[in-house]
Amino acid sequence: MTDQRSTGFGRLAVVTTGLTLALVALGGAVRATNSGLACPDWPRCFGSWIPPADLNMWLEHSHRLLAGVVGIGVLTLTVWAVARFRGRPAVLWTSVAALVLVVAQAGLGALVVWRLLRAELVTAHLGMAMVVLACLIALAVATTHPVPAAATRDRRLAWASTAVAGLCFAQILVGGHVTGIGAGLVYTDFPLMGGALVPPIGSEREAFHVAHRLLAYLLAGGIVALAVAAARHRRRLVAAGAWTAAHRWLVRLPTGAVVLVVVQIGLGVANLNNRTSFVTVIPHLAVASWIWSTLVLHALLAHRLPTVAPPPPADRAAVAQEAHA
C-alpha cells in the first residue's frame, strides 16, 4: 500500500515526466527547424528574456523556458525526497541523481549553443534527456509500486525488457548523431540501403546511417519478441494464480510498444520520402522518447511485481507450525 505522501510525490513525478516528454518533442522542433542557434547567447535571447517576434527564436527560447520548468519540478522532487523519503534510498538517491543530471543538462545545453551545435554535444544532450526521463519514471514507480515484502519474482522477463530498453537507448543516441551530422538522407531507399542490406561503408555519415537502420530492425524484432514473451509470462502467472490487476501492464506495455514501433517505422520512411521535413522529423523523435519511456516503465514494473503466488492462508499456517516445531 502507498501512503498519501507517496501518492502526491508519485503524481508530481508523473507530471514532471510528461513535461520532460514535451520538452524532448520541443527540442526536436528546434532541431528540425534549424532554430538551435536562433538565440546565440544563453540563457537569455539577444540579451533579453523576451525574444523578438520571430518563430525560430521563440521555439529556441520556449525550449529553454520549458527546461526551466522541468528543472523546478525535479528540484521540488529532490527537496521532497530529502525531507520525507530519507528512509527509502531508491527514492532519495534517484531524485538526487535526476537533479544532478538536470543541472548538467542545463550546462550541456549552454555548451551546445556556444559550440555551435557540435554533433557530439547535441547527441549527449539528447542521451542525458533520456536518462532524466528514466529517473523520473523510476521515481513514479518506486512510490506507487513498492516492492512487496518477501516477494518472489521470475526476473527473466524483467532482464529481457531491460536488454530491449538498452537497445532502444543506443538507437536513440545513434539516431541523434545521424541528425547531428546530416546523415539522414545518405540512403533514401527502404528497407534496403543502396539496394543492399549492408552497403559498403566509406564515411562516418554512411556508417551511422547504416547503424541506425540496422539497429531499427533489431529493436523492432526485440520489441515484438518482448511482447510474445510477455504473453507467455501472463499464461504462467495465471496458471500459478499470481495474476493481478497490476500485472496487466506487463502485457499492455510491450503491446503498446509494438504499435509505437509500427508508427515509428512509418515516420522513418516518410522522412526519407519528404527529405526529412520537420512535419515528420518532430514526431519521429517524440515517438522514440515514448518507446523508450514505455520500455523503461515495463522493465521497472517487471523487476518489482511478484510473479509467484503466495501460499494460501492454510498453507502459510502449516509452514509456520513446522517452523516452530
C-alpha atoms as a PDB file:
ATOM      1  CA  MET A   1       0.000   0.000   0.000  1.00  0.00           C
ATOM      2  CA  THR A   2       1.140   3.569  -0.616  1.00  0.00           C
ATOM      3  CA  ASP A   3       0.549   6.441   1.789  1.00  0.00           C
ATOM      4  CA  GLN A   4      -0.736   9.891   0.876  1.00  0.00           C
ATOM      5  CA  ARG A   5       2.711  11.472   0.660  1.00  0.00           C
ATOM      6  CA  SER A   6       3.862   8.731  -1.740  1.00  0.00           C
ATOM      7  CA  THR A   7       0.784   9.306  -3.894  1.00  0.00           C
ATOM      8  CA  GLY A   8       1.452  13.055  -4.090  1.00  0.00           C
ATOM      9  CA  PHE A   9       5.120  12.517  -4.814  1.00  0.00           C
ATOM     10  CA  GLY A  10       4.292   9.961  -7.485  1.00  0.00           C
ATOM     11  CA  ARG A  11       1.832  12.328  -9.153  1.00  0.00           C
ATOM     12  CA  LEU A  12       4.429  15.091  -9.267  1.00  0.00           C
ATOM     13  CA  ALA A  13       6.907  12.629 -10.782  1.00  0.00           C
ATOM     14  CA  VAL A  14       4.340  11.692 -13.447  1.00  0.00           C
ATOM     15  CA  VAL A  15       3.609  15.348 -14.263  1.00  0.00           C
ATOM     16  CA  THR A  16       7.331  16.128 -14.495  1.00  0.00           C
ATOM     17  CA  THR A  17       7.780  13.089 -16.746  1.00  0.00           C
ATOM     18  CA  GLY A  18       5.051  14.407 -19.055  1.00  0.00           C
ATOM     19  CA  LEU A  19       6.715  17.828 -19.156  1.00  0.00           C
ATOM     20  CA  THR A  20      10.037  16.177 -19.991  1.00  0.00           C
ATOM     21  CA  LEU A  21       8.457  14.282 -22.882  1.00  0.00           C
ATOM     22  CA  ALA A  22       7.028  17.586 -24.129  1.00  0.00           C
ATOM     23  CA  LEU A  23      10.492  19.120 -23.751  1.00  0.00           C
ATOM     24  CA  VAL A  24      12.022  16.373 -25.898  1.00  0.00           C
ATOM     25  CA  ALA A  25       9.411  16.969 -28.615  1.00  0.00           C
ATOM     26  CA  LEU A  26      10.037  20.722 -28.467  1.00  0.00           C
ATOM     27  CA  GLY A  27      13.759  20.050 -28.723  1.00  0.00           C
ATOM     28  CA  GLY A  28      13.004  18.040 -31.847  1.00  0.00           C
ATOM     29  CA  ALA A  29      11.130  21.026 -33.251  1.00  0.00           C
ATOM     30  CA  VAL A  30      14.137  23.242 -32.526  1.00  0.00           C
ATOM     31  CA  ARG A  31      16.439  20.879 -34.414  1.00  0.00           C
ATOM     32  CA  ALA A  32      14.047  20.196 -37.306  1.00  0.00           C
ATOM     33  CA  THR A  33      13.560  23.924 -37.971  1.00  0.00           C
ATOM     34  CA  ASN A  34      17.270  24.766 -37.535  1.00  0.00           C
ATOM     35  CA  SER A  35      16.426  27.012 -34.603  1.00  0.00           C
ATOM     36  CA  GLY A  36      19.229  25.812 -32.344  1.00  0.00           C
ATOM     37  CA  LEU A  37      21.254  28.989 -32.844  1.00  0.00           C
ATOM     38  CA  ALA A  38      18.311  31.382 -33.189  1.00  0.00           C
ATOM     39  CA  CYS A  39      19.319  32.745 -29.787  1.00  0.00           C
ATOM     40  CA  PRO A  40      23.138  32.946 -29.893  1.00  0.00           C
ATOM     41  CA  ASP A  41      23.511  33.798 -26.200  1.00  0.00           C
ATOM     42  CA  TRP A  42      22.398  31.805 -23.147  1.00  0.00           C
ATOM     43  CA  PRO A  43      20.235  31.758 -21.050  1.00  0.00           C
ATOM     44  CA  ARG A  44      18.690  34.921 -22.492  1.00  0.00           C
ATOM     45  CA  CYS A  45      17.967  35.605 -26.162  1.00  0.00           C
ATOM     46  CA  PHE A  46      19.796  38.606 -27.617  1.00  0.00           C
ATOM     47  CA  GLY A  47      20.235  39.862 -24.076  1.00  0.00           C
ATOM     48  CA  SER A  48      16.521  39.736 -23.255  1.00  0.00           C
ATOM     49  CA  TRP A  49      14.205  37.291 -21.502  1.00  0.00           C
ATOM     50  CA  ILE A  50      11.566  38.104 -24.138  1.00  0.00           C
ATOM     51  CA  PRO A  51      12.952  37.439 -27.630  1.00  0.00           C
ATOM     52  CA  PRO A  52      11.946  39.346 -30.779  1.00  0.00           C
ATOM     53  CA  ALA A  53       8.836  38.272 -32.662  1.00  0.00           C
ATOM     54  CA  ASP A  54      10.497  35.505 -34.662  1.00  0.00           C
ATOM     55  CA  LEU A  55       9.270  31.888 -34.807  1.00  0.00           C
ATOM     56  CA  ASN A  56      12.733  30.334 -34.652  1.00  0.00           C
ATOM     57  CA  MET A  57      13.751  32.481 -31.707  1.00  0.00           C
ATOM     58  CA  TRP A  58      10.553  31.674 -29.858  1.00  0.00           C
ATOM     59  CA  LEU A  59      10.989  27.942 -30.464  1.00  0.00           C
ATOM     60  CA  GLU A  60      14.500  28.007 -29.047  1.00  0.00           C
ATOM     61  CA  HIS A  61      13.575  30.259 -26.140  1.00  0.00           C
ATOM     62  CA  SER A  62      10.426  28.245 -25.329  1.00  0.00           C
ATOM     63  CA  HIS A  63      12.593  25.138 -25.186  1.00  0.00           C
ATOM     64  CA  ARG A  64      14.788  26.844 -22.594  1.00  0.00           C
ATOM     65  CA  LEU A  65      11.801  28.045 -20.568  1.00  0.00           C
ATOM     66  CA  LEU A  66      10.197  24.597 -20.516  1.00  0.00           C
ATOM     67  CA  ALA A  67      13.561  23.151 -19.478  1.00  0.00           C
ATOM     68  CA  GLY A  68      13.462  25.570 -16.554  1.00  0.00           C
ATOM     69  CA  VAL A  69      10.001  24.339 -15.558  1.00  0.00           C
ATOM     70  CA  VAL A  70      11.228  20.739 -15.682  1.00  0.00           C
ATOM     71  CA  GLY A  71      14.195  21.766 -13.561  1.00  0.00           C
ATOM     72  CA  ILE A  72      11.879  23.257 -10.942  1.00  0.00           C
ATOM     73  CA  GLY A  73       9.851  20.046 -10.913  1.00  0.00           C
ATOM     74  CA  VAL A  74      12.961  17.915 -10.394  1.00  0.00           C
ATOM     75  CA  LEU A  75      14.248  20.270  -7.684  1.00  0.00           C
ATOM     76  CA  THR A  76      10.895  20.024  -5.891  1.00  0.00           C
ATOM     77  CA  LEU A  77      11.019  16.219  -6.064  1.00  0.00           C
ATOM     78  CA  THR A  78      14.542  16.194  -4.650  1.00  0.00           C
ATOM     79  CA  VAL A  79      13.697  18.518  -1.753  1.00  0.00           C
ATOM     80  CA  TRP A  80      10.590  16.434  -1.053  1.00  0.00           C
ATOM     81  CA  ALA A  81      12.611  13.217  -1.111  1.00  0.00           C
ATOM     82  CA  VAL A  82      15.239  14.618   1.272  1.00  0.00           C
ATOM     83  CA  ALA A  83      12.528  15.840   3.638  1.00  0.00           C
ATOM     84  CA  ARG A  84      10.186  12.860   3.589  1.00  0.00           C
ATOM     85  CA  PHE A  85      11.853   9.818   1.984  1.00  0.00           C
ATOM     86  CA  ARG A  86      15.282   9.597   3.585  1.00  0.00           C
ATOM     87  CA  GLY A  87      14.395   6.077   4.717  1.00  0.00           C
ATOM     88  CA  ARG A  88      13.815   4.961   1.122  1.00  0.00           C
ATOM     89  CA  PRO A  89      17.191   5.049  -0.656  1.00  0.00           C
ATOM     90  CA  ALA A  90      15.730   4.177  -4.064  1.00  0.00           C
ATOM     91  CA  VAL A  91      13.569   7.307  -3.963  1.00  0.00           C
ATOM     92  CA  LEU A  92      16.144   9.571  -2.308  1.00  0.00           C
ATOM     93  CA  TRP A  93      19.137   8.792  -4.496  1.00  0.00           C
ATOM     94  CA  THR A  94      17.184   8.575  -7.742  1.00  0.00           C
ATOM     95  CA  SER A  95      15.787  12.065  -7.134  1.00  0.00           C
ATOM     96  CA  VAL A  96      19.263  13.375  -6.296  1.00  0.00           C
ATOM     97  CA  ALA A  97      20.631  11.761  -9.475  1.00  0.00           C
ATOM     98  CA  ALA A  98      17.835  13.367 -11.516  1.00  0.00           C
ATOM     99  CA  LEU A  99      18.672  16.794 -10.090  1.00  0.00           C
ATOM    100  CA  VAL A 100      22.388  16.401 -10.808  1.00  0.00           C
ATOM    101  CA  LEU A 101      21.571  15.309 -14.362  1.00  0.00           C
ATOM    102  CA  VAL A 102      19.227  18.262 -14.923  1.00  0.00           C
ATOM    103  CA  VAL A 103      21.886  20.714 -13.762  1.00  0.00           C
ATOM    104  CA  ALA A 104      24.449  19.020 -16.009  1.00  0.00           C
ATOM    105  CA  GLN A 105      21.902  19.075 -18.839  1.00  0.00           C
ATOM    106  CA  ALA A 106      21.483  22.840 -18.492  1.00  0.00           C
ATOM    107  CA  GLY A 107      25.246  23.300 -18.668  1.00  0.00           C
ATOM    108  CA  LEU A 108      25.436  20.978 -21.662  1.00  0.00           C
ATOM    109  CA  GLY A 109      22.654  22.942 -23.362  1.00  0.00           C
ATOM    110  CA  ALA A 110      24.647  26.126 -22.961  1.00  0.00           C
ATOM    111  CA  LEU A 111      27.726  24.383 -24.334  1.00  0.00           C
ATOM    112  CA  VAL A 112      25.733  23.183 -27.354  1.00  0.00           C
ATOM    113  CA  VAL A 113      24.940  26.817 -28.191  1.00  0.00           C
ATOM    114  CA  TRP A 114      28.447  28.099 -27.512  1.00  0.00           C
ATOM    115  CA  ARG A 115      29.997  25.302 -29.613  1.00  0.00           C
ATOM    116  CA  LEU A 116      27.585  25.934 -32.495  1.00  0.00           C
ATOM    117  CA  LEU A 117      25.595  22.693 -32.322  1.00  0.00           C
ATOM    118  CA  ARG A 118      28.537  20.320 -32.392  1.00  0.00           C
ATOM    119  CA  ALA A 119      27.064  16.889 -33.204  1.00  0.00           C
ATOM    120  CA  GLU A 120      28.664  15.026 -30.274  1.00  0.00           C
ATOM    121  CA  LEU A 121      27.322  17.560 -27.777  1.00  0.00           C
ATOM    122  CA  VAL A 122      23.829  17.502 -29.290  1.00  0.00           C
ATOM    123  CA  THR A 123      23.811  13.693 -29.074  1.00  0.00           C
ATOM    124  CA  ALA A 124      24.973  13.788 -25.454  1.00  0.00           C
ATOM    125  CA  HIS A 125      22.258  16.355 -24.717  1.00  0.00           C
ATOM    126  CA  LEU A 126      19.614  14.012 -26.129  1.00  0.00           C
ATOM    127  CA  GLY A 127      21.013  10.989 -24.298  1.00  0.00           C
ATOM    128  CA  MET A 128      21.035  12.815 -20.970  1.00  0.00           C
ATOM    129  CA  ALA A 129      17.405  13.805 -21.502  1.00  0.00           C
ATOM    130  CA  MET A 130      16.534  10.119 -21.891  1.00  0.00           C
ATOM    131  CA  VAL A 131      18.347   9.283 -18.632  1.00  0.00           C
ATOM    132  CA  VAL A 132      16.446  12.046 -16.818  1.00  0.00           C
ATOM    133  CA  LEU A 133      13.218  10.566 -18.195  1.00  0.00           C
ATOM    134  CA  ALA A 134      14.201   7.141 -16.859  1.00  0.00           C
ATOM    135  CA  CYS A 135      14.922   8.606 -13.405  1.00  0.00           C
ATOM    136  CA  LEU A 136      11.534  10.322 -13.269  1.00  0.00           C
ATOM    137  CA  ILE A 137       9.723   7.157 -14.325  1.00  0.00           C
ATOM    138  CA  ALA A 138      11.662   5.235 -11.687  1.00  0.00           C
ATOM    139  CA  LEU A 139      10.540   7.735  -9.028  1.00  0.00           C
ATOM    140  CA  ALA A 140       6.905   7.364 -10.053  1.00  0.00           C
ATOM    141  CA  VAL A 141       7.143   3.562  -9.978  1.00  0.00           C
ATOM    142  CA  ALA A 142       9.051   3.444  -6.678  1.00  0.00           C
ATOM    143  CA  THR A 143       6.385   5.450  -4.873  1.00  0.00           C
ATOM    144  CA  THR A 144       3.319   3.849  -6.447  1.00  0.00           C
ATOM    145  CA  HIS A 145       4.535   0.233  -6.707  1.00  0.00           C
ATOM    146  CA  PRO A 146       6.711  -0.535  -3.677  1.00  0.00           C
ATOM    147  CA  VAL A 147       8.415  -3.927  -3.672  1.00  0.00           C
ATOM    148  CA  PRO A 148       6.252  -6.346  -1.635  1.00  0.00           C
ATOM    149  CA  ALA A 149       7.901  -7.927   1.380  1.00  0.00           C
ATOM    150  CA  ALA A 150       9.232 -11.412   0.699  1.00  0.00           C
ATOM    151  CA  ALA A 151       8.075 -11.176  -2.936  1.00  0.00           C
ATOM    152  CA  THR A 152       9.140 -13.940  -5.284  1.00  0.00           C
ATOM    153  CA  ARG A 153       9.935 -12.755  -8.791  1.00  0.00           C
ATOM    154  CA  ASP A 154      10.832 -14.508 -12.005  1.00  0.00           C
ATOM    155  CA  ARG A 155      13.257 -11.994 -13.485  1.00  0.00           C
ATOM    156  CA  ARG A 156      13.596 -13.475 -16.973  1.00  0.00           C
ATOM    157  CA  LEU A 157      11.034 -11.103 -18.444  1.00  0.00           C
ATOM    158  CA  ALA A 158      12.485  -8.203 -16.455  1.00  0.00           C
ATOM    159  CA  TRP A 159      16.004  -8.713 -17.785  1.00  0.00           C
ATOM    160  CA  ALA A 160      14.707  -9.236 -21.328  1.00  0.00           C
ATOM    161  CA  SER A 161      12.850  -5.937 -21.042  1.00  0.00           C
ATOM    162  CA  THR A 162      15.958  -4.240 -19.650  1.00  0.00           C
ATOM    163  CA  ALA A 163      18.012  -5.501 -22.595  1.00  0.00           C
ATOM    164  CA  VAL A 164      15.483  -4.200 -25.136  1.00  0.00           C
ATOM    165  CA  ALA A 165      15.374  -0.840 -23.339  1.00  0.00           C
ATOM    166  CA  GLY A 166      19.167  -0.670 -23.534  1.00  0.00           C
ATOM    167  CA  LEU A 167      18.973  -1.343 -27.264  1.00  0.00           C
ATOM    168  CA  CYS A 168      16.405   1.450 -27.594  1.00  0.00           C
ATOM    169  CA  PHE A 169      18.721   3.860 -25.760  1.00  0.00           C
ATOM    170  CA  ALA A 170      21.572   3.014 -28.140  1.00  0.00           C
ATOM    171  CA  GLN A 171      19.261   3.549 -31.121  1.00  0.00           C
ATOM    172  CA  ILE A 172      18.207   6.974 -29.840  1.00  0.00           C
ATOM    173  CA  LEU A 173      21.846   8.024 -29.447  1.00  0.00           C
ATOM    174  CA  VAL A 174      22.747   6.794 -32.927  1.00  0.00           C
ATOM    175  CA  GLY A 175      19.660   8.456 -34.400  1.00  0.00           C
ATOM    176  CA  GLY A 176      20.506  11.718 -32.674  1.00  0.00           C
ATOM    177  CA  HIS A 177      24.013  11.598 -34.103  1.00  0.00           C
ATOM    178  CA  VAL A 178      22.649  10.811 -37.578  1.00  0.00           C
ATOM    179  CA  THR A 179      20.681  14.049 -37.404  1.00  0.00           C
ATOM    180  CA  GLY A 180      23.625  15.956 -35.960  1.00  0.00           C
ATOM    181  CA  ILE A 181      25.970  15.044 -38.812  1.00  0.00           C
ATOM    182  CA  GLY A 182      23.300  15.374 -41.508  1.00  0.00           C
ATOM    183  CA  ALA A 183      23.290  11.678 -42.428  1.00  0.00           C
ATOM    184  CA  GLY A 184      19.557  11.126 -42.582  1.00  0.00           C
ATOM    185  CA  LEU A 185      19.421  11.003 -46.389  1.00  0.00           C
ATOM    186  CA  VAL A 186      22.617   9.088 -47.149  1.00  0.00           C
ATOM    187  CA  TYR A 187      20.393   6.251 -48.394  1.00  0.00           C
ATOM    188  CA  THR A 188      16.824   7.012 -49.405  1.00  0.00           C
ATOM    189  CA  ASP A 189      15.554   3.545 -50.380  1.00  0.00           C
ATOM    190  CA  PHE A 190      13.793   1.289 -47.872  1.00  0.00           C
ATOM    191  CA  PRO A 191      14.107  -1.340 -46.462  1.00  0.00           C
ATOM    192  CA  LEU A 192      17.444  -1.799 -48.247  1.00  0.00           C
ATOM    193  CA  MET A 193      20.188   0.804 -48.459  1.00  0.00           C
ATOM    194  CA  GLY A 194      21.562   1.408 -51.905  1.00  0.00           C
ATOM    195  CA  GLY A 195      19.994  -1.887 -52.917  1.00  0.00           C
ATOM    196  CA  ALA A 196      21.800  -3.855 -50.193  1.00  0.00           C
ATOM    197  CA  LEU A 197      21.049  -4.807 -46.621  1.00  0.00           C
ATOM    198  CA  VAL A 198      24.572  -3.784 -45.581  1.00  0.00           C
ATOM    199  CA  PRO A 199      26.072  -1.494 -48.227  1.00  0.00           C
ATOM    200  CA  PRO A 200      29.779  -0.593 -48.487  1.00  0.00           C
ATOM    201  CA  ILE A 201      30.757   1.957 -45.844  1.00  0.00           C
ATOM    202  CA  GLY A 202      33.278   4.633 -46.685  1.00  0.00           C
ATOM    203  CA  SER A 203      32.472   7.551 -44.400  1.00  0.00           C
ATOM    204  CA  GLU A 204      31.193   8.438 -40.931  1.00  0.00           C
ATOM    205  CA  ARG A 205      27.858   9.534 -42.374  1.00  0.00           C
ATOM    206  CA  GLU A 206      27.369   6.216 -44.154  1.00  0.00           C
ATOM    207  CA  ALA A 207      28.438   4.255 -41.063  1.00  0.00           C
ATOM    208  CA  PHE A 208      25.954   5.980 -38.758  1.00  0.00           C
ATOM    209  CA  HIS A 209      23.101   5.810 -41.245  1.00  0.00           C
ATOM    210  CA  VAL A 210      23.629   2.068 -41.710  1.00  0.00           C
ATOM    211  CA  ALA A 211      23.959   1.536 -37.951  1.00  0.00           C
ATOM    212  CA  HIS A 212      20.729   3.451 -37.350  1.00  0.00           C
ATOM    213  CA  ARG A 213      18.830   1.342 -39.901  1.00  0.00           C
ATOM    214  CA  LEU A 214      20.178  -1.997 -38.669  1.00  0.00           C
ATOM    215  CA  LEU A 215      19.542  -1.079 -35.034  1.00  0.00           C
ATOM    216  CA  ALA A 216      15.983  -0.112 -36.001  1.00  0.00           C
ATOM    217  CA  TYR A 217      15.377  -3.573 -37.464  1.00  0.00           C
ATOM    218  CA  LEU A 218      16.963  -5.225 -34.432  1.00  0.00           C
ATOM    219  CA  LEU A 219      14.962  -3.102 -31.989  1.00  0.00           C
ATOM    220  CA  ALA A 220      11.691  -3.787 -33.804  1.00  0.00           C
ATOM    221  CA  GLY A 221      12.366  -7.516 -33.624  1.00  0.00           C
ATOM    222  CA  GLY A 222      13.316  -7.239 -29.956  1.00  0.00           C
ATOM    223  CA  ILE A 223      10.104  -5.422 -29.065  1.00  0.00           C
ATOM    224  CA  VAL A 224       7.962  -7.969 -30.908  1.00  0.00           C
ATOM    225  CA  ALA A 225       9.823 -10.787 -29.125  1.00  0.00           C
ATOM    226  CA  LEU A 226       9.268  -8.989 -25.803  1.00  0.00           C
ATOM    227  CA  ALA A 227       5.528  -8.767 -26.471  1.00  0.00           C
ATOM    228  CA  VAL A 228       5.441 -12.512 -27.202  1.00  0.00           C
ATOM    229  CA  ALA A 229       7.444 -13.245 -24.039  1.00  0.00           C
ATOM    230  CA  ALA A 230       5.075 -11.060 -22.010  1.00  0.00           C
ATOM    231  CA  ALA A 231       2.068 -13.008 -23.302  1.00  0.00           C
ATOM    232  CA  ARG A 232       3.728 -16.279 -22.295  1.00  0.00           C
ATOM    233  CA  HIS A 233       4.622 -14.773 -18.932  1.00  0.00           C
ATOM    234  CA  ARG A 234       0.957 -13.919 -18.410  1.00  0.00           C
ATOM    235  CA  ARG A 235      -0.055 -17.521 -19.040  1.00  0.00           C
ATOM    236  CA  ARG A 236       2.474 -18.723 -16.455  1.00  0.00           C
ATOM    237  CA  LEU A 237       1.214 -16.233 -13.867  1.00  0.00           C
ATOM    238  CA  VAL A 238      -2.404 -17.161 -14.479  1.00  0.00           C
ATOM    239  CA  ALA A 239      -1.563 -20.863 -14.115  1.00  0.00           C
ATOM    240  CA  ALA A 240       0.272 -20.109 -10.851  1.00  0.00           C
ATOM    241  CA  GLY A 241      -2.589 -17.991  -9.506  1.00  0.00           C
ATOM    242  CA  ALA A 242      -0.292 -14.957  -9.320  1.00  0.00           C
ATOM    243  CA  TRP A 243      -2.005 -12.746 -11.917  1.00  0.00           C
ATOM    244  CA  THR A 244      -3.292  -9.424 -10.531  1.00  0.00           C
ATOM    245  CA  ALA A 245      -4.654  -6.194 -11.995  1.00  0.00           C
ATOM    246  CA  ALA A 246      -1.192  -4.616 -11.759  1.00  0.00           C
ATOM    247  CA  HIS A 247       0.311  -7.412 -13.855  1.00  0.00           C
ATOM    248  CA  ARG A 248      -1.788  -6.489 -16.893  1.00  0.00           C
ATOM    249  CA  TRP A 249       0.733  -3.739 -17.643  1.00  0.00           C
ATOM    250  CA  LEU A 250       3.382  -6.391 -18.213  1.00  0.00           C
ATOM    251  CA  VAL A 251       1.415  -7.299 -21.367  1.00  0.00           C
ATOM    252  CA  ARG A 252      -0.117  -3.956 -22.294  1.00  0.00           C
ATOM    253  CA  LEU A 253       3.157  -2.011 -22.342  1.00  0.00           C
ATOM    254  CA  PRO A 254       5.017  -4.286 -24.812  1.00  0.00           C
ATOM    255  CA  THR A 255       1.896  -4.410 -26.980  1.00  0.00           C
ATOM    256  CA  GLY A 256       1.780  -0.621 -26.952  1.00  0.00           C
ATOM    257  CA  ALA A 257       5.485  -0.525 -27.816  1.00  0.00           C
ATOM    258  CA  VAL A 258       4.807  -2.711 -30.877  1.00  0.00           C
ATOM    259  CA  VAL A 259       2.165  -0.218 -32.053  1.00  0.00           C
ATOM    260  CA  LEU A 260       4.576   2.674 -31.492  1.00  0.00           C
ATOM    261  CA  VAL A 261       7.296   0.867 -33.455  1.00  0.00           C
ATOM    262  CA  VAL A 262       4.939   0.463 -36.422  1.00  0.00           C
ATOM    263  CA  VAL A 263       4.190   4.199 -36.251  1.00  0.00           C
ATOM    264  CA  GLN A 264       7.906   4.970 -35.920  1.00  0.00           C
ATOM    265  CA  ILE A 265       8.811   2.912 -38.982  1.00  0.00           C
ATOM    266  CA  GLY A 266       6.156   4.755 -40.951  1.00  0.00           C
ATOM    267  CA  LEU A 267       7.589   8.092 -39.824  1.00  0.00           C
ATOM    268  CA  GLY A 268      11.095   6.958 -40.711  1.00  0.00           C
ATOM    269  CA  VAL A 269      10.023   6.032 -44.246  1.00  0.00           C
ATOM    270  CA  ALA A 270       8.172   9.355 -44.524  1.00  0.00           C
ATOM    271  CA  ASN A 271      11.385  11.141 -43.512  1.00  0.00           C
ATOM    272  CA  LEU A 272      13.123   9.545 -46.484  1.00  0.00           C
ATOM    273  CA  ASN A 273      10.328  10.416 -48.882  1.00  0.00           C
ATOM    274  CA  ASN A 274       9.867  14.045 -47.824  1.00  0.00           C
ATOM    275  CA  ARG A 275      13.578  14.801 -47.411  1.00  0.00           C
ATOM    276  CA  THR A 276      13.444  14.949 -43.591  1.00  0.00           C
ATOM    277  CA  SER A 277      10.715  17.555 -43.371  1.00  0.00           C
ATOM    278  CA  PHE A 278      10.015  18.933 -39.907  1.00  0.00           C
ATOM    279  CA  VAL A 279       6.458  17.584 -40.308  1.00  0.00           C
ATOM    280  CA  THR A 280       7.747  14.042 -39.713  1.00  0.00           C
ATOM    281  CA  VAL A 281      11.109  14.662 -38.028  1.00  0.00           C
ATOM    282  CA  ILE A 282       9.478  16.149 -34.927  1.00  0.00           C
ATOM    283  CA  PRO A 283       7.049  13.252 -34.284  1.00  0.00           C
ATOM    284  CA  HIS A 284       9.853  10.784 -35.137  1.00  0.00           C
ATOM    285  CA  LEU A 285      11.863  11.989 -32.140  1.00  0.00           C
ATOM    286  CA  ALA A 286       8.762  12.282 -29.949  1.00  0.00           C
ATOM    287  CA  VAL A 287       7.686   8.701 -30.666  1.00  0.00           C
ATOM    288  CA  ALA A 288      11.243   7.496 -29.980  1.00  0.00           C
ATOM    289  CA  SER A 289      11.002   9.026 -26.495  1.00  0.00           C
ATOM    290  CA  TRP A 290       7.610   7.345 -25.993  1.00  0.00           C
ATOM    291  CA  ILE A 291       9.037   3.954 -26.940  1.00  0.00           C
ATOM    292  CA  TRP A 292      11.946   4.494 -24.543  1.00  0.00           C
ATOM    293  CA  SER A 293       9.595   5.513 -21.724  1.00  0.00           C
ATOM    294  CA  THR A 294       7.340   2.517 -22.363  1.00  0.00           C
ATOM    295  CA  LEU A 295      10.249   0.084 -22.223  1.00  0.00           C
ATOM    296  CA  VAL A 296      11.743   1.685 -19.100  1.00  0.00           C
ATOM    297  CA  LEU A 297       8.382   1.532 -17.333  1.00  0.00           C
ATOM    298  CA  HIS A 298       7.920  -2.092 -18.349  1.00  0.00           C
ATOM    299  CA  ALA A 299      11.381  -3.089 -17.124  1.00  0.00           C
ATOM    300  CA  LEU A 300      10.859  -1.349 -13.782  1.00  0.00           C
ATOM    301  CA  LEU A 301       7.473  -2.976 -13.219  1.00  0.00           C
ATOM    302  CA  ALA A 302       8.773  -6.394 -14.285  1.00  0.00           C
ATOM    303  CA  HIS A 303      11.570  -6.116 -11.719  1.00  0.00           C
ATOM    304  CA  ARG A 304       9.138  -5.112  -8.962  1.00  0.00           C
ATOM    305  CA  LEU A 305       5.953  -7.105  -9.384  1.00  0.00           C
ATOM    306  CA  PRO A 306       5.835 -10.554  -7.729  1.00  0.00           C
ATOM    307  CA  THR A 307       5.477 -13.409 -10.189  1.00  0.00           C
ATOM    308  CA  VAL A 308       4.810 -16.383  -7.926  1.00  0.00           C
ATOM    309  CA  ALA A 309       1.613 -16.564  -5.926  1.00  0.00           C
ATOM    310  CA  PRO A 310       1.945 -16.690  -2.126  1.00  0.00           C
ATOM    311  CA  PRO A 311       0.700 -19.897  -0.488  1.00  0.00           C
ATOM    312  CA  PRO A 312      -2.924 -19.960   0.674  1.00  0.00           C
ATOM    313  CA  PRO A 313      -3.519 -18.912   4.313  1.00  0.00           C
ATOM    314  CA  ALA A 314      -3.913 -22.541   5.463  1.00  0.00           C
ATOM    315  CA  ASP A 315      -0.588 -23.481   3.887  1.00  0.00           C
ATOM    316  CA  ARG A 316       1.124 -20.498   5.484  1.00  0.00           C
ATOM    317  CA  ALA A 317      -0.164 -21.572   8.884  1.00  0.00           C
ATOM    318  CA  ALA A 318       1.168 -25.101   8.302  1.00  0.00           C
ATOM    319  CA  VAL A 319       4.559 -23.686   7.270  1.00  0.00           C
ATOM    320  CA  ALA A 320       4.631 -21.559  10.410  1.00  0.00           C
ATOM    321  CA  GLN A 321       3.787 -24.536  12.635  1.00  0.00           C
ATOM    322  CA  GLU A 322       6.552 -26.585  11.039  1.00  0.00           C
ATOM    323  CA  ALA A 323       8.999 -23.734  11.544  1.00  0.00           C
ATOM    324  CA  HIS A 324       8.218 -23.584  15.286  1.00  0.00           C
ATOM    325  CA  ALA A 325       8.139 -27.350  15.788  1.00  0.00           C
END
